[in-house]
């Protein structure tokens, strides 16, 4: 069964502090211990000198053991809690999942 790579690009509002962003990314990482089926998480600020990020200044990658695990995660109350906190801080976002 293929794993699911869950890539998310985030465009935080300019007034959101680096400390707040770090806290939100840490909360995302903590979901790995709270929701079964997440096998990997990494997130951080855009770091390339290419400047091809189109204003998206942070992102994260989460790996799920299966599509079923991803589908369990999406409506999970802990995910909804963190998602709500993040969405109020964003100007825009992109989510792209693929099988690997």
C-alpha atoms as a PDB file:
ATOM      1  CA  UNK A   1       0.000   0.000   0.000  1.00  0.00           C
ATOM      2  CA  UNK A   2       1.533   3.363  -0.982  1.00  0.00           C
ATOM      3  CA  UNK A   3       2.288   6.053   1.557  1.00  0.00           C
ATOM      4  CA  UNK A   4       0.747   9.508   1.195  1.00  0.00           C
ATOM      5  CA  UNK A   5       2.976  12.592   1.099  1.00  0.00           C
ATOM      6  CA  UNK A   6       1.012  15.615   2.349  1.00  0.00           C
ATOM      7  CA  UNK A   7       2.751  18.840   1.260  1.00  0.00           C
ATOM      8  CA  UNK A   8       1.456  22.188   2.479  1.00  0.00           C
ATOM      9  CA  UNK A   9       2.741  25.647   1.532  1.00  0.00           C
ATOM     10  CA  UNK A  10       1.807  28.500   3.841  1.00  0.00           C
ATOM     11  CA  UNK A  11       1.691  32.253   3.246  1.00  0.00           C
ATOM     12  CA  UNK A  12       1.536  33.778   6.724  1.00  0.00           C
ATOM     13  CA  UNK A  13       0.144  37.271   7.153  1.00  0.00           C
ATOM     14  CA  UNK A  14       2.959  39.832   7.563  1.00  0.00           C
ATOM     15  CA  UNK A  15       1.924  40.700  11.136  1.00  0.00           C
ATOM     16  CA  UNK A  16       2.309  37.112  12.394  1.00  0.00           C
ATOM     17  CA  UNK A  17       5.439  36.943  14.536  1.00  0.00           C
ATOM     18  CA  UNK A  18       8.213  34.388  14.017  1.00  0.00           C
ATOM     19  CA  UNK A  19       7.494  33.081  17.531  1.00  0.00           C
ATOM     20  CA  UNK A  20       3.831  32.470  16.684  1.00  0.00           C
ATOM     21  CA  UNK A  21       4.798  30.722  13.431  1.00  0.00           C
ATOM     22  CA  UNK A  22       7.300  28.507  15.278  1.00  0.00           C
ATOM     23  CA  UNK A  23       4.637  27.617  17.844  1.00  0.00           C
ATOM     24  CA  UNK A  24       2.140  26.662  15.124  1.00  0.00           C
ATOM     25  CA  UNK A  25       4.692  24.515  13.278  1.00  0.00           C
ATOM     26  CA  UNK A  26       5.567  22.808  16.579  1.00  0.00           C
ATOM     27  CA  UNK A  27       1.890  22.083  17.194  1.00  0.00           C
ATOM     28  CA  UNK A  28       1.730  20.459  13.755  1.00  0.00           C
ATOM     29  CA  UNK A  29       4.718  18.295  14.636  1.00  0.00           C
ATOM     30  CA  UNK A  30       3.067  17.217  17.890  1.00  0.00           C
ATOM     31  CA  UNK A  31       0.193  15.734  15.896  1.00  0.00           C
ATOM     32  CA  UNK A  32       2.505  12.831  15.040  1.00  0.00           C
ATOM     33  CA  UNK A  33       2.249  11.701  18.680  1.00  0.00           C
ATOM     34  CA  UNK A  34      -1.499  12.386  18.904  1.00  0.00           C
ATOM     35  CA  UNK A  35      -2.866  10.896  15.683  1.00  0.00           C
ATOM     36  CA  UNK A  36      -1.966   7.370  14.537  1.00  0.00           C
ATOM     37  CA  UNK A  37      -0.674   6.829  11.009  1.00  0.00           C
ATOM     38  CA  UNK A  38       1.627   9.859  10.690  1.00  0.00           C
ATOM     39  CA  UNK A  39       5.093   8.449  10.033  1.00  0.00           C
ATOM     40  CA  UNK A  40       7.009  11.682   9.316  1.00  0.00           C
ATOM     41  CA  UNK A  41       6.754  15.430   9.834  1.00  0.00           C
ATOM     42  CA  UNK A  42       9.077  18.298   8.978  1.00  0.00           C
ATOM     43  CA  UNK A  43       8.326  21.972   8.560  1.00  0.00           C
ATOM     44  CA  UNK A  44      10.038  25.316   8.366  1.00  0.00           C
ATOM     45  CA  UNK A  45      10.669  28.611   6.611  1.00  0.00           C
ATOM     46  CA  UNK A  46      11.435  29.013   2.918  1.00  0.00           C
ATOM     47  CA  UNK A  47      15.211  28.904   2.600  1.00  0.00           C
ATOM     48  CA  UNK A  48      16.175  28.996  -1.073  1.00  0.00           C
ATOM     49  CA  UNK A  49      17.913  31.936  -2.710  1.00  0.00           C
ATOM     50  CA  UNK A  50      16.024  31.229  -5.969  1.00  0.00           C
ATOM     51  CA  UNK A  51      12.992  33.280  -4.924  1.00  0.00           C
ATOM     52  CA  UNK A  52      10.531  30.971  -6.683  1.00  0.00           C
ATOM     53  CA  UNK A  53       8.220  30.615  -3.677  1.00  0.00           C
ATOM     54  CA  UNK A  54       5.594  33.120  -4.913  1.00  0.00           C
ATOM     55  CA  UNK A  55       5.220  34.603  -1.434  1.00  0.00           C
ATOM     56  CA  UNK A  56       4.733  31.296   0.384  1.00  0.00           C
ATOM     57  CA  UNK A  57       7.079  31.720   3.328  1.00  0.00           C
ATOM     58  CA  UNK A  58       6.712  28.422   5.221  1.00  0.00           C
ATOM     59  CA  UNK A  59       5.757  24.853   4.510  1.00  0.00           C
ATOM     60  CA  UNK A  60       5.590  21.370   5.881  1.00  0.00           C
ATOM     61  CA  UNK A  61       5.636  17.786   4.738  1.00  0.00           C
ATOM     62  CA  UNK A  62       3.758  15.026   6.515  1.00  0.00           C
ATOM     63  CA  UNK A  63       3.859  11.376   5.538  1.00  0.00           C
ATOM     64  CA  UNK A  64       0.956   9.048   6.229  1.00  0.00           C
ATOM     65  CA  UNK A  65       1.294   5.277   6.210  1.00  0.00           C
ATOM     66  CA  UNK A  66      -1.715   5.025   3.870  1.00  0.00           C
ATOM     67  CA  UNK A  67      -4.589   6.961   2.303  1.00  0.00           C
ATOM     68  CA  UNK A  68      -6.774   5.584   5.098  1.00  0.00           C
ATOM     69  CA  UNK A  69      -4.432   7.108   7.701  1.00  0.00           C
ATOM     70  CA  UNK A  70      -4.606  10.481   5.918  1.00  0.00           C
ATOM     71  CA  UNK A  71      -8.388  10.223   5.754  1.00  0.00           C
ATOM     72  CA  UNK A  72      -8.485   9.487   9.514  1.00  0.00           C
ATOM     73  CA  UNK A  73      -6.252  12.520  10.201  1.00  0.00           C
ATOM     74  CA  UNK A  74      -8.233  15.086   8.200  1.00  0.00           C
ATOM     75  CA  UNK A  75     -11.375  15.255  10.419  1.00  0.00           C
ATOM     76  CA  UNK A  76      -9.527  14.374  13.648  1.00  0.00           C
ATOM     77  CA  UNK A  77     -10.290  16.910  16.430  1.00  0.00           C
ATOM     78  CA  UNK A  78      -6.581  17.548  17.149  1.00  0.00           C
ATOM     79  CA  UNK A  79      -5.930  18.300  13.463  1.00  0.00           C
ATOM     80  CA  UNK A  80      -8.997  20.565  13.356  1.00  0.00           C
ATOM     81  CA  UNK A  81      -7.741  22.456  16.430  1.00  0.00           C
ATOM     82  CA  UNK A  82      -4.313  23.159  14.930  1.00  0.00           C
ATOM     83  CA  UNK A  83      -5.718  23.817  11.461  1.00  0.00           C
ATOM     84  CA  UNK A  84      -8.096  26.470  12.822  1.00  0.00           C
ATOM     85  CA  UNK A  85      -5.260  28.236  14.645  1.00  0.00           C
ATOM     86  CA  UNK A  86      -3.132  28.248  11.489  1.00  0.00           C
ATOM     87  CA  UNK A  87      -5.871  29.341   9.077  1.00  0.00           C
ATOM     88  CA  UNK A  88      -6.542  32.544  11.007  1.00  0.00           C
ATOM     89  CA  UNK A  89      -2.872  33.506  10.525  1.00  0.00           C
ATOM     90  CA  UNK A  90      -2.687  32.892   6.757  1.00  0.00           C
ATOM     91  CA  UNK A  91      -3.183  34.937   3.626  1.00  0.00           C
ATOM     92  CA  UNK A  92      -3.086  31.786   1.497  1.00  0.00           C
ATOM     93  CA  UNK A  93      -2.082  28.113   1.402  1.00  0.00           C
ATOM     94  CA  UNK A  94      -1.636  25.223  -1.008  1.00  0.00           C
ATOM     95  CA  UNK A  95      -2.138  21.570  -0.143  1.00  0.00           C
ATOM     96  CA  UNK A  96      -0.872  18.837  -2.458  1.00  0.00           C
ATOM     97  CA  UNK A  97      -1.015  15.132  -1.619  1.00  0.00           C
ATOM     98  CA  UNK A  98       0.587  12.371  -3.656  1.00  0.00           C
ATOM     99  CA  UNK A  99       1.241   8.651  -3.326  1.00  0.00           C
ATOM    100  CA  UNK A 100       4.810   7.469  -2.936  1.00  0.00           C
END
